[in-house]
Amino acid sequence: MQQNSVYTSKLSMACPTCGSGEIVYSCSPACCFNHVCADCRTTFEPATAVVSGKPRPAAGSIVPPDPLPDCTEPTAACARCESTAVYAAASGELVCGACGTWLTLELTEIAPG
């Protein structure tokens, strides 16, 4: 790997109602991004926004998590390229593994369970 590699981990998020980290992705990107809290059954949809003014990492420098997330784990689409290869960087920021865009996460469509 390059010296300036961006090491990542799987995307995680907390329930906006109870704060639990036990979140399940219950749909598919072709439909929606509905997530469900396993503890209180709140549903919500994560969305990303581009962090402006921050340069993208060099091509090939983003190291995906190992193992990669499975289809039931939390996910969000990149606001720039719509890829679901959105990961948490070691710095705590989010980065798109496909296009290198730095992102922020917001939870929308919150429906308490």
PDB file of N, CA and C in Angstrom:
ATOM      1  N   MET A   1       0.830  -1.193   0.000  1.00  0.00           N
ATOM      2  CA  MET A   1       0.000   0.000   0.000  1.00  0.00           C
ATOM      3  C   MET A   1       0.874   1.256   0.000  1.00  0.00           C
ATOM      4  N   GLN A   2       0.307   2.314  -0.496  1.00  0.00           N
ATOM      5  CA  GLN A   2       1.008   3.588  -0.535  1.00  0.00           C
ATOM      6  C   GLN A   2       1.145   4.153   0.876  1.00  0.00           C
ATOM      7  N   GLN A   3       2.107   5.040   1.055  1.00  0.00           N
ATOM      8  CA  GLN A   3       2.346   5.640   2.357  1.00  0.00           C
ATOM      9  C   GLN A   3       1.127   6.408   2.863  1.00  0.00           C
ATOM     10  N   ASN A   4       0.371   7.048   1.996  1.00  0.00           N
ATOM     11  CA  ASN A   4      -0.781   7.847   2.398  1.00  0.00           C
ATOM     12  C   ASN A   4      -2.090   7.090   2.247  1.00  0.00           C
ATOM     13  N   SER A   5      -2.057   5.799   2.497  1.00  0.00           N
ATOM     14  CA  SER A   5      -3.269   4.996   2.387  1.00  0.00           C
ATOM     15  C   SER A   5      -4.310   5.438   3.402  1.00  0.00           C
ATOM     16  N   VAL A   6      -5.579   5.321   3.017  1.00  0.00           N
ATOM     17  CA  VAL A   6      -6.696   5.617   3.905  1.00  0.00           C
ATOM     18  C   VAL A   6      -7.298   4.277   4.316  1.00  0.00           C
ATOM     19  N   TYR A   7      -7.041   3.876   5.555  1.00  0.00           N
ATOM     20  CA  TYR A   7      -7.566   2.612   6.060  1.00  0.00           C
ATOM     21  C   TYR A   7      -8.993   2.828   6.550  1.00  0.00           C
ATOM     22  N   THR A   8      -9.866   1.885   6.240  1.00  0.00           N
ATOM     23  CA  THR A   8     -11.278   2.063   6.542  1.00  0.00           C
ATOM     24  C   THR A   8     -11.846   0.887   7.324  1.00  0.00           C
ATOM     25  N   SER A   9     -13.017   1.131   7.884  1.00  0.00           N
ATOM     26  CA  SER A   9     -13.793   0.082   8.537  1.00  0.00           C
ATOM     27  C   SER A   9     -15.220   0.180   8.029  1.00  0.00           C
ATOM     28  N   LYS A  10     -16.013  -0.810   8.377  1.00  0.00           N
ATOM     29  CA  LYS A  10     -17.407  -0.819   7.953  1.00  0.00           C
ATOM     30  C   LYS A  10     -18.141   0.401   8.501  1.00  0.00           C
ATOM     31  N   LEU A  11     -19.111   0.848   7.764  1.00  0.00           N
ATOM     32  CA  LEU A  11     -19.962   1.952   8.185  1.00  0.00           C
ATOM     33  C   LEU A  11     -20.796   1.505   9.387  1.00  0.00           C
ATOM     34  N   SER A  12     -20.867   2.346  10.378  1.00  0.00           N
ATOM     35  CA  SER A  12     -21.730   2.045  11.527  1.00  0.00           C
ATOM     36  C   SER A  12     -22.532   3.300  11.848  1.00  0.00           C
ATOM     37  N   MET A  13     -23.650   3.092  12.493  1.00  0.00           N
ATOM     38  CA  MET A  13     -24.490   4.226  12.879  1.00  0.00           C
ATOM     39  C   MET A  13     -25.307   3.829  14.090  1.00  0.00           C
ATOM     40  N   ALA A  14     -25.765   4.820  14.822  1.00  0.00           N
ATOM     41  CA  ALA A  14     -26.582   4.584  16.015  1.00  0.00           C
ATOM     42  C   ALA A  14     -28.023   4.971  15.725  1.00  0.00           C
ATOM     43  N   CYS A  15     -28.925   4.268  16.362  1.00  0.00           N
ATOM     44  CA  CYS A  15     -30.346   4.563  16.216  1.00  0.00           C
ATOM     45  C   CYS A  15     -30.628   5.984  16.695  1.00  0.00           C
ATOM     46  N   PRO A  16     -31.357   6.782  15.908  1.00  0.00           N
ATOM     47  CA  PRO A  16     -31.656   8.151  16.321  1.00  0.00           C
ATOM     48  C   PRO A  16     -32.659   8.227  17.472  1.00  0.00           C
ATOM     49  N   THR A  17     -33.322   7.133  17.792  1.00  0.00           N
ATOM     50  CA  THR A  17     -34.297   7.121  18.887  1.00  0.00           C
ATOM     51  C   THR A  17     -33.686   6.621  20.191  1.00  0.00           C
ATOM     52  N   CYS A  18     -33.049   5.442  20.159  1.00  0.00           N
ATOM     53  CA  CYS A  18     -32.562   4.845  21.410  1.00  0.00           C
ATOM     54  C   CYS A  18     -31.045   4.802  21.523  1.00  0.00           C
ATOM     55  N   GLY A  19     -30.317   5.115  20.453  1.00  0.00           N
ATOM     56  CA  GLY A  19     -28.862   5.130  20.488  1.00  0.00           C
ATOM     57  C   GLY A  19     -28.200   3.781  20.272  1.00  0.00           C
ATOM     58  N   SER A  20     -28.976   2.734  20.068  1.00  0.00           N
ATOM     59  CA  SER A  20     -28.422   1.395  19.849  1.00  0.00           C
ATOM     60  C   SER A  20     -27.604   1.352  18.566  1.00  0.00           C
ATOM     61  N   GLY A  21     -26.569   0.539  18.568  1.00  0.00           N
ATOM     62  CA  GLY A  21     -25.771   0.318  17.370  1.00  0.00           C
ATOM     63  C   GLY A  21     -26.181  -0.932  16.626  1.00  0.00           C
ATOM     64  N   GLU A  22     -27.240  -1.582  17.083  1.00  0.00           N
ATOM     65  CA  GLU A  22     -27.731  -2.808  16.449  1.00  0.00           C
ATOM     66  C   GLU A  22     -28.690  -2.430  15.319  1.00  0.00           C
ATOM     67  N   ILE A  23     -28.121  -2.092  14.175  1.00  0.00           N
ATOM     68  CA  ILE A  23     -28.879  -1.599  13.031  1.00  0.00           C
ATOM     69  C   ILE A  23     -28.811  -2.616  11.898  1.00  0.00           C
ATOM     70  N   VAL A  24     -29.945  -2.854  11.248  1.00  0.00           N
ATOM     71  CA  VAL A  24     -30.016  -3.792  10.128  1.00  0.00           C
ATOM     72  C   VAL A  24     -30.501  -3.043   8.894  1.00  0.00           C
ATOM     73  N   TYR A  25     -29.836  -3.281   7.774  1.00  0.00           N
ATOM     74  CA  TYR A  25     -30.276  -2.728   6.498  1.00  0.00           C
ATOM     75  C   TYR A  25     -31.293  -3.701   5.930  1.00  0.00           C
ATOM     76  N   SER A  26     -32.509  -3.228   5.713  1.00  0.00           N
ATOM     77  CA  SER A  26     -33.606  -4.138   5.400  1.00  0.00           C
ATOM     78  C   SER A  26     -34.127  -4.064   3.969  1.00  0.00           C
ATOM     79  N   CYS A  27     -33.378  -3.462   3.070  1.00  0.00           N
ATOM     80  CA  CYS A  27     -33.883  -3.321   1.710  1.00  0.00           C
ATOM     81  C   CYS A  27     -32.751  -3.559   0.718  1.00  0.00           C
ATOM     82  N   SER A  28     -32.809  -2.928  -0.437  1.00  0.00           N
ATOM     83  CA  SER A  28     -31.723  -3.005  -1.412  1.00  0.00           C
ATOM     84  C   SER A  28     -31.556  -1.620  -2.033  1.00  0.00           C
ATOM     85  N   PRO A  29     -30.340  -1.284  -2.461  1.00  0.00           N
ATOM     86  CA  PRO A  29     -30.114   0.047  -3.025  1.00  0.00           C
ATOM     87  C   PRO A  29     -31.017   0.376  -4.204  1.00  0.00           C
ATOM     88  N   ALA A  30     -31.483  -0.630  -4.936  1.00  0.00           N
ATOM     89  CA  ALA A  30     -32.378  -0.368  -6.060  1.00  0.00           C
ATOM     90  C   ALA A  30     -33.735   0.148  -5.589  1.00  0.00           C
ATOM     91  N   CYS A  31     -34.069  -0.099  -4.329  1.00  0.00           N
ATOM     92  CA  CYS A  31     -35.363   0.314  -3.787  1.00  0.00           C
ATOM     93  C   CYS A  31     -35.214   1.546  -2.898  1.00  0.00           C
ATOM     94  N   CYS A  32     -34.564   1.359  -1.743  1.00  0.00           N
ATOM     95  CA  CYS A  32     -34.387   2.462  -0.792  1.00  0.00           C
ATOM     96  C   CYS A  32     -33.265   2.110   0.180  1.00  0.00           C
ATOM     97  N   PHE A  33     -33.055   2.940   1.151  1.00  0.00           N
ATOM     98  CA  PHE A  33     -32.013   2.699   2.147  1.00  0.00           C
ATOM     99  C   PHE A  33     -32.629   2.577   3.539  1.00  0.00           C
ATOM    100  N   ASN A  34     -33.768   1.894   3.631  1.00  0.00           N
ATOM    101  CA  ASN A  34     -34.460   1.726   4.903  1.00  0.00           C
ATOM    102  C   ASN A  34     -33.636   0.863   5.859  1.00  0.00           C
ATOM    103  N   HIS A  35     -33.317   1.417   7.028  1.00  0.00           N
ATOM    104  CA  HIS A  35     -32.599   0.707   8.079  1.00  0.00           C
ATOM    105  C   HIS A  35     -33.524   0.572   9.276  1.00  0.00           C
ATOM    106  N   VAL A  36     -33.338  -0.485  10.070  1.00  0.00           N
ATOM    107  CA  VAL A  36     -34.190  -0.751  11.220  1.00  0.00           C
ATOM    108  C   VAL A  36     -33.320  -0.991  12.449  1.00  0.00           C
ATOM    109  N   CYS A  37     -33.697  -0.378  13.566  1.00  0.00           N
ATOM    110  CA  CYS A  37     -33.027  -0.622  14.839  1.00  0.00           C
ATOM    111  C   CYS A  37     -33.533  -1.950  15.388  1.00  0.00           C
ATOM    112  N   ALA A  38     -32.637  -2.858  15.700  1.00  0.00           N
ATOM    113  CA  ALA A  38     -33.023  -4.167  16.222  1.00  0.00           C
ATOM    114  C   ALA A  38     -33.589  -4.068  17.638  1.00  0.00           C
ATOM    115  N   ASP A  39     -33.284  -2.989  18.356  1.00  0.00           N
ATOM    116  CA  ASP A  39     -33.746  -2.855  19.735  1.00  0.00           C
ATOM    117  C   ASP A  39     -35.120  -2.204  19.848  1.00  0.00           C
ATOM    118  N   CYS A  40     -35.338  -1.059  19.189  1.00  0.00           N
ATOM    119  CA  CYS A  40     -36.609  -0.339  19.365  1.00  0.00           C
ATOM    120  C   CYS A  40     -37.474  -0.313  18.107  1.00  0.00           C
ATOM    121  N   ARG A  41     -36.959  -0.865  17.007  1.00  0.00           N
ATOM    122  CA  ARG A  41     -37.681  -0.956  15.732  1.00  0.00           C
ATOM    123  C   ARG A  41     -37.897   0.385  15.019  1.00  0.00           C
ATOM    124  N   THR A  42     -37.160   1.416  15.413  1.00  0.00           N
ATOM    125  CA  THR A  42     -37.202   2.673  14.667  1.00  0.00           C
ATOM    126  C   THR A  42     -36.658   2.414  13.267  1.00  0.00           C
ATOM    127  N   THR A  43     -37.281   3.014  12.269  1.00  0.00           N
ATOM    128  CA  THR A  43     -36.767   2.931  10.903  1.00  0.00           C
ATOM    129  C   THR A  43     -36.254   4.307  10.490  1.00  0.00           C
ATOM    130  N   PHE A  44     -35.261   4.298   9.625  1.00  0.00           N
ATOM    131  CA  PHE A  44     -34.679   5.551   9.135  1.00  0.00           C
ATOM    132  C   PHE A  44     -33.871   5.262   7.883  1.00  0.00           C
ATOM    133  N   GLU A  45     -33.528   6.331   7.162  1.00  0.00           N
ATOM    134  CA  GLU A  45     -32.719   6.210   5.959  1.00  0.00           C
ATOM    135  C   GLU A  45     -31.507   7.134   6.065  1.00  0.00           C
ATOM    136  N   PRO A  46     -30.301   6.578   5.946  1.00  0.00           N
ATOM    137  CA  PRO A  46     -29.109   7.421   5.950  1.00  0.00           C
ATOM    138  C   PRO A  46     -28.895   8.067   4.577  1.00  0.00           C
ATOM    139  N   ALA A  47     -28.376   9.267   4.595  1.00  0.00           N
ATOM    140  CA  ALA A  47     -28.026   9.985   3.368  1.00  0.00           C
ATOM    141  C   ALA A  47     -26.667  10.634   3.588  1.00  0.00           C
ATOM    142  N   THR A  48     -25.922  10.826   2.515  1.00  0.00           N
ATOM    143  CA  THR A  48     -24.608  11.457   2.622  1.00  0.00           C
ATOM    144  C   THR A  48     -24.600  12.804   1.921  1.00  0.00           C
ATOM    145  N   ALA A  49     -23.637  13.623   2.304  1.00  0.00           N
ATOM    146  CA  ALA A  49     -23.397  14.909   1.647  1.00  0.00           C
ATOM    147  C   ALA A  49     -21.891  15.042   1.442  1.00  0.00           C
ATOM    148  N   VAL A  50     -21.502  15.697   0.370  1.00  0.00           N
ATOM    149  CA  VAL A  50     -20.095  15.889   0.040  1.00  0.00           C
ATOM    150  C   VAL A  50     -19.479  16.920   0.979  1.00  0.00           C
ATOM    151  N   VAL A  51     -18.300  16.598   1.508  1.00  0.00           N
ATOM    152  CA  VAL A  51     -17.525  17.561   2.290  1.00  0.00           C
ATOM    153  C   VAL A  51     -16.750  18.404   1.282  1.00  0.00           C
ATOM    154  N   SER A  52     -17.058  19.680   1.214  1.00  0.00           N
ATOM    155  CA  SER A  52     -16.411  20.531   0.219  1.00  0.00           C
ATOM    156  C   SER A  52     -15.046  20.997   0.703  1.00  0.00           C
ATOM    157  N   GLY A  53     -14.162  21.194  -0.243  1.00  0.00           N
ATOM    158  CA  GLY A  53     -12.853  21.753   0.046  1.00  0.00           C
ATOM    159  C   GLY A  53     -11.819  20.760   0.552  1.00  0.00           C
ATOM    160  N   LYS A  54     -12.164  19.505   0.691  1.00  0.00           N
ATOM    161  CA  LYS A  54     -11.199  18.513   1.162  1.00  0.00           C
ATOM    162  C   LYS A  54     -10.751  17.675  -0.032  1.00  0.00           C
ATOM    163  N   PRO A  55      -9.459  17.654  -0.329  1.00  0.00           N
ATOM    164  CA  PRO A  55      -8.999  16.906  -1.498  1.00  0.00           C
ATOM    165  C   PRO A  55      -9.244  15.403  -1.350  1.00  0.00           C
ATOM    166  N   ARG A  56      -9.566  14.778  -2.450  1.00  0.00           N
ATOM    167  CA  ARG A  56      -9.785  13.332  -2.467  1.00  0.00           C
ATOM    168  C   ARG A  56      -8.456  12.597  -2.313  1.00  0.00           C
ATOM    169  N   PRO A  57      -8.488  11.424  -1.690  1.00  0.00           N
ATOM    170  CA  PRO A  57      -7.271  10.610  -1.609  1.00  0.00           C
ATOM    171  C   PRO A  57      -6.832  10.184  -3.009  1.00  0.00           C
ATOM    172  N   ALA A  58      -5.564   9.866  -3.152  1.00  0.00           N
ATOM    173  CA  ALA A  58      -5.028   9.403  -4.431  1.00  0.00           C
ATOM    174  C   ALA A  58      -5.722   8.117  -4.853  1.00  0.00           C
ATOM    175  N   ALA A  59      -5.873   7.933  -6.148  1.00  0.00           N
ATOM    176  CA  ALA A  59      -6.499   6.717  -6.675  1.00  0.00           C
ATOM    177  C   ALA A  59      -5.779   5.493  -6.134  1.00  0.00           C
ATOM    178  N   GLY A  60      -6.532   4.529  -5.694  1.00  0.00           N
ATOM    179  CA  GLY A  60      -5.963   3.288  -5.182  1.00  0.00           C
ATOM    180  C   GLY A  60      -5.473   3.340  -3.751  1.00  0.00           C
ATOM    181  N   SER A  61      -5.632   4.487  -3.082  1.00  0.00           N
ATOM    182  CA  SER A  61      -5.097   4.599  -1.717  1.00  0.00           C
ATOM    183  C   SER A  61      -6.123   4.259  -0.633  1.00  0.00           C
ATOM    184  N   ILE A  62      -7.383   4.072  -1.010  1.00  0.00           N
ATOM    185  CA  ILE A  62      -8.414   3.727  -0.025  1.00  0.00           C
ATOM    186  C   ILE A  62      -8.416   2.210   0.163  1.00  0.00           C
ATOM    187  N   VAL A  63      -8.188   1.784   1.401  1.00  0.00           N
ATOM    188  CA  VAL A  63      -8.144   0.362   1.722  1.00  0.00           C
ATOM    189  C   VAL A  63      -9.507  -0.038   2.277  1.00  0.00           C
ATOM    190  N   PRO A  64     -10.270  -0.863   1.538  1.00  0.00           N
ATOM    191  CA  PRO A  64     -11.596  -1.262   2.016  1.00  0.00           C
ATOM    192  C   PRO A  64     -11.498  -2.098   3.288  1.00  0.00           C
ATOM    193  N   PRO A  65     -12.576  -2.133   4.065  1.00  0.00           N
ATOM    194  CA  PRO A  65     -12.558  -2.956   5.277  1.00  0.00           C
ATOM    195  C   PRO A  65     -12.412  -4.439   4.927  1.00  0.00           C
ATOM    196  N   ASP A  66     -11.835  -5.172   5.842  1.00  0.00           N
ATOM    197  CA  ASP A  66     -11.682  -6.609   5.660  1.00  0.00           C
ATOM    198  C   ASP A  66     -12.195  -7.315   6.903  1.00  0.00           C
ATOM    199  N   PRO A  67     -13.310  -8.046   6.802  1.00  0.00           N
ATOM    200  CA  PRO A  67     -14.056  -8.364   5.590  1.00  0.00           C
ATOM    201  C   PRO A  67     -14.953  -7.212   5.174  1.00  0.00           C
ATOM    202  N   LEU A  68     -15.373  -7.259   3.915  1.00  0.00           N
ATOM    203  CA  LEU A  68     -16.324  -6.263   3.414  1.00  0.00           C
ATOM    204  C   LEU A  68     -17.673  -6.441   4.104  1.00  0.00           C
ATOM    205  N   PRO A  69     -18.468  -5.373   4.195  1.00  0.00           N
ATOM    206  CA  PRO A  69     -19.797  -5.491   4.811  1.00  0.00           C
ATOM    207  C   PRO A  69     -20.675  -6.476   4.038  1.00  0.00           C
ATOM    208  N   ASP A  70     -21.550  -7.172   4.770  1.00  0.00           N
ATOM    209  CA  ASP A  70     -22.504  -8.027   4.056  1.00  0.00           C
ATOM    210  C   ASP A  70     -23.765  -7.209   3.773  1.00  0.00           C
ATOM    211  N   CYS A  71     -24.700  -7.811   3.060  1.00  0.00           N
ATOM    212  CA  CYS A  71     -25.856  -7.061   2.558  1.00  0.00           C
ATOM    213  C   CYS A  71     -26.831  -6.610   3.641  1.00  0.00           C
ATOM    214  N   THR A  72     -26.713  -7.090   4.876  1.00  0.00           N
ATOM    215  CA  THR A  72     -27.627  -6.662   5.938  1.00  0.00           C
ATOM    216  C   THR A  72     -27.015  -5.589   6.840  1.00  0.00           C
ATOM    217  N   GLU A  73     -25.759  -5.241   6.618  1.00  0.00           N
ATOM    218  CA  GLU A  73     -25.104  -4.242   7.461  1.00  0.00           C
ATOM    219  C   GLU A  73     -25.390  -2.823   6.965  1.00  0.00           C
ATOM    220  N   PRO A  74     -25.310  -1.840   7.865  1.00  0.00           N
ATOM    221  CA  PRO A  74     -25.612  -0.455   7.482  1.00  0.00           C
ATOM    222  C   PRO A  74     -24.838  -0.006   6.244  1.00  0.00           C
ATOM    223  N   THR A  75     -25.533   0.747   5.412  1.00  0.00           N
ATOM    224  CA  THR A  75     -24.927   1.270   4.196  1.00  0.00           C
ATOM    225  C   THR A  75     -25.579   2.600   3.834  1.00  0.00           C
ATOM    226  N   ALA A  76     -24.923   3.343   2.985  1.00  0.00           N
ATOM    227  CA  ALA A  76     -25.448   4.608   2.467  1.00  0.00           C
ATOM    228  C   ALA A  76     -24.840   4.816   1.092  1.00  0.00           C
ATOM    229  N   ALA A  77     -25.503   5.591   0.278  1.00  0.00           N
ATOM    230  CA  ALA A  77     -24.993   5.883  -1.059  1.00  0.00           C
ATOM    231  C   ALA A  77     -24.140   7.144  -1.034  1.00  0.00           C
ATOM    232  N   CYS A  78     -23.081   7.133  -1.797  1.00  0.00           N
ATOM    233  CA  CYS A  78     -22.225   8.316  -1.944  1.00  0.00           C
ATOM    234  C   CYS A  78     -23.017   9.416  -2.639  1.00  0.00           C
ATOM    235  N   ALA A  79     -22.969  10.613  -2.094  1.00  0.00           N
ATOM    236  CA  ALA A  79     -23.689  11.752  -2.664  1.00  0.00           C
ATOM    237  C   ALA A  79     -23.139  12.154  -4.032  1.00  0.00           C
ATOM    238  N   ARG A  80     -21.909  11.768  -4.336  1.00  0.00           N
ATOM    239  CA  ARG A  80     -21.318  12.142  -5.623  1.00  0.00           C
ATOM    240  C   ARG A  80     -21.550  11.063  -6.687  1.00  0.00           C
ATOM    241  N   CYS A  81     -21.226   9.796  -6.384  1.00  0.00           N
ATOM    242  CA  CYS A  81     -21.274   8.760  -7.431  1.00  0.00           C
ATOM    243  C   CYS A  81     -22.336   7.683  -7.195  1.00  0.00           C
ATOM    244  N   GLU A  82     -23.022   7.727  -6.054  1.00  0.00           N
ATOM    245  CA  GLU A  82     -24.083   6.801  -5.677  1.00  0.00           C
ATOM    246  C   GLU A  82     -23.610   5.388  -5.331  1.00  0.00           C
ATOM    247  N   SER A  83     -22.307   5.168  -5.248  1.00  0.00           N
ATOM    248  CA  SER A  83     -21.785   3.869  -4.833  1.00  0.00           C
ATOM    249  C   SER A  83     -22.143   3.616  -3.368  1.00  0.00           C
ATOM    250  N   THR A  84     -22.338   2.359  -3.012  1.00  0.00           N
ATOM    251  CA  THR A  84     -22.574   2.018  -1.604  1.00  0.00           C
ATOM    252  C   THR A  84     -21.272   1.589  -0.917  1.00  0.00           C
ATOM    253  N   ALA A  85     -20.144   1.832  -1.550  1.00  0.00           N
ATOM    254  CA  ALA A  85     -18.841   1.547  -0.950  1.00  0.00           C
ATOM    255  C   ALA A  85     -18.428   2.720  -0.062  1.00  0.00           C
ATOM    256  N   VAL A  86     -19.305   3.085   0.871  1.00  0.00           N
ATOM    257  CA  VAL A  86     -19.046   4.189   1.797  1.00  0.00           C
ATOM    258  C   VAL A  86     -18.547   3.580   3.097  1.00  0.00           C
ATOM    259  N   TYR A  87     -17.364   3.997   3.529  1.00  0.00           N
ATOM    260  CA  TYR A  87     -16.711   3.418   4.698  1.00  0.00           C
ATOM    261  C   TYR A  87     -16.299   4.502   5.684  1.00  0.00           C
ATOM    262  N   ALA A  88     -16.001   4.069   6.891  1.00  0.00           N
ATOM    263  CA  ALA A  88     -15.473   4.971   7.916  1.00  0.00           C
ATOM    264  C   ALA A  88     -13.950   4.938   7.841  1.00  0.00           C
ATOM    265  N   ALA A  89     -13.339   6.098   7.699  1.00  0.00           N
ATOM    266  CA  ALA A  89     -11.884   6.190   7.716  1.00  0.00           C
ATOM    267  C   ALA A  89     -11.404   6.124   9.167  1.00  0.00           C
ATOM    268  N   ALA A  90     -10.145   5.805   9.355  1.00  0.00           N
ATOM    269  CA  ALA A  90      -9.581   5.708  10.704  1.00  0.00           C
ATOM    270  C   ALA A  90      -9.732   7.024  11.465  1.00  0.00           C
ATOM    271  N   SER A  91      -9.812   8.142  10.743  1.00  0.00           N
ATOM    272  CA  SER A  91      -9.972   9.463  11.354  1.00  0.00           C
ATOM    273  C   SER A  91     -11.389   9.679  11.884  1.00  0.00           C
ATOM    274  N   GLY A  92     -12.317   8.767  11.523  1.00  0.00           N
ATOM    275  CA  GLY A  92     -13.710   8.920  11.926  1.00  0.00           C
ATOM    276  C   GLY A  92     -14.576   9.539  10.849  1.00  0.00           C
ATOM    277  N   GLU A  93     -13.958  10.070   9.817  1.00  0.00           N
ATOM    278  CA  GLU A  93     -14.703  10.643   8.698  1.00  0.00           C
ATOM    279  C   GLU A  93     -15.168   9.525   7.771  1.00  0.00           C
ATOM    280  N   LEU A  94     -16.134   9.832   6.905  1.00  0.00           N
ATOM    281  CA  LEU A  94     -16.593   8.860   5.920  1.00  0.00           C
ATOM    282  C   LEU A  94     -15.941   9.158   4.582  1.00  0.00           C
ATOM    283  N   VAL A  95     -15.665   8.086   3.835  1.00  0.00           N
ATOM    284  CA  VAL A  95     -15.058   8.234   2.517  1.00  0.00           C
ATOM    285  C   VAL A  95     -15.686   7.206   1.582  1.00  0.00           C
ATOM    286  N   CYS A  96     -15.863   7.598   0.327  1.00  0.00           N
ATOM    287  CA  CYS A  96     -16.383   6.684  -0.680  1.00  0.00           C
ATOM    288  C   CYS A  96     -15.218   5.899  -1.258  1.00  0.00           C
ATOM    289  N   GLY A  97     -15.302   4.581  -1.167  1.00  0.00           N
ATOM    290  CA  GLY A  97     -14.247   3.732  -1.691  1.00  0.00           C
ATOM    291  C   GLY A  97     -14.204   3.710  -3.206  1.00  0.00           C
ATOM    292  N   ALA A  98     -15.270   4.126  -3.861  1.00  0.00           N
ATOM    293  CA  ALA A  98     -15.317   4.118  -5.320  1.00  0.00           C
ATOM    294  C   ALA A  98     -14.720   5.384  -5.932  1.00  0.00           C
ATOM    295  N   CYS A  99     -15.108   6.562  -5.419  1.00  0.00           N
ATOM    296  CA  CYS A  99     -14.642   7.807  -6.042  1.00  0.00           C
ATOM    297  C   CYS A  99     -13.745   8.650  -5.137  1.00  0.00           C
ATOM    298  N   GLY A 100     -13.588   8.264  -3.862  1.00  0.00           N
ATOM    299  CA  GLY A 100     -12.680   8.982  -2.964  1.00  0.00           C
ATOM    300  C   GLY A 100     -13.244  10.245  -2.346  1.00  0.00           C
ATOM    301  N   THR A 101     -14.521  10.478  -2.492  1.00  0.00           N
ATOM    302  CA  THR A 101     -15.136  11.677  -1.932  1.00  0.00           C
ATOM    303  C   THR A 101     -15.286  11.548  -0.424  1.00  0.00           C
ATOM    304  N   TRP A 102     -14.956  12.607   0.297  1.00  0.00           N
ATOM    305  CA  TRP A 102     -15.181  12.655   1.739  1.00  0.00           C
ATOM    306  C   TRP A 102     -16.637  13.049   1.965  1.00  0.00           C
ATOM    307  N   LEU A 103     -17.284  12.402   2.918  1.00  0.00           N
ATOM    308  CA  LEU A 103     -18.723  12.556   3.101  1.00  0.00           C
ATOM    309  C   LEU A 103     -19.104  12.781   4.557  1.00  0.00           C
ATOM    310  N   THR A 104     -20.275  13.359   4.745  1.00  0.00           N
ATOM    311  CA  THR A 104     -20.903  13.400   6.060  1.00  0.00           C
ATOM    312  C   THR A 104     -22.176  12.574   5.966  1.00  0.00           C
ATOM    313  N   LEU A 105     -22.673  12.130   7.113  1.00  0.00           N
ATOM    314  CA  LEU A 105     -23.854  11.277   7.158  1.00  0.00           C
ATOM    315  C   LEU A 105     -24.959  11.976   7.922  1.00  0.00           C
ATOM    316  N   GLU A 106     -26.171  11.878   7.394  1.00  0.00           N
ATOM    317  CA  GLU A 106     -27.334  12.367   8.138  1.00  0.00           C
ATOM    318  C   GLU A 106     -28.415  11.300   8.035  1.00  0.00           C
ATOM    319  N   LEU A 107     -29.240  11.218   9.061  1.00  0.00           N
ATOM    320  CA  LEU A 107     -30.330  10.248   9.083  1.00  0.00           C
ATOM    321  C   LEU A 107     -31.629  10.950   8.752  1.00  0.00           C
ATOM    322  N   THR A 108     -32.377  10.395   7.797  1.00  0.00           N
ATOM    323  CA  THR A 108     -33.626  10.990   7.341  1.00  0.00           C
ATOM    324  C   THR A 108     -34.767   9.985   7.482  1.00  0.00           C
ATOM    325  N   GLU A 109     -35.983  10.434   7.228  1.00  0.00           N
ATOM    326  CA  GLU A 109     -37.165   9.557   7.240  1.00  0.00           C
ATOM    327  C   GLU A 109     -37.271   8.759   8.538  1.00  0.00           C
ATOM    328  N   ILE A 110     -37.012   9.402   9.657  1.00  0.00           N
ATOM    329  CA  ILE A 110     -37.010   8.715  10.962  1.00  0.00           C
ATOM    330  C   ILE A 110     -38.450   8.456  11.405  1.00  0.00           C
ATOM    331  N   ALA A 111     -38.734   7.166  11.686  1.00  0.00           N
ATOM    332  CA  ALA A 111     -40.056   6.763  12.154  1.00  0.00           C
ATOM    333  C   ALA A 111     -39.877   5.894  13.395  1.00  0.00           C
ATOM    334  N   PRO A 112     -40.066   6.478  14.608  1.00  0.00           N
ATOM    335  CA  PRO A 112     -39.884   5.693  15.829  1.00  0.00           C
ATOM    336  C   PRO A 112     -40.748   4.425  15.828  1.00  0.00           C
ATOM    337  N   GLY A 113     -40.153   3.347  16.382  1.00  0.00           N
ATOM    338  CA  GLY A 113     -40.803   2.039  16.355  1.00  0.00           C
ATOM    339  C   GLY A 113     -41.808   1.816  17.385  1.00  0.00           C
TER     340      GLY A 113
END
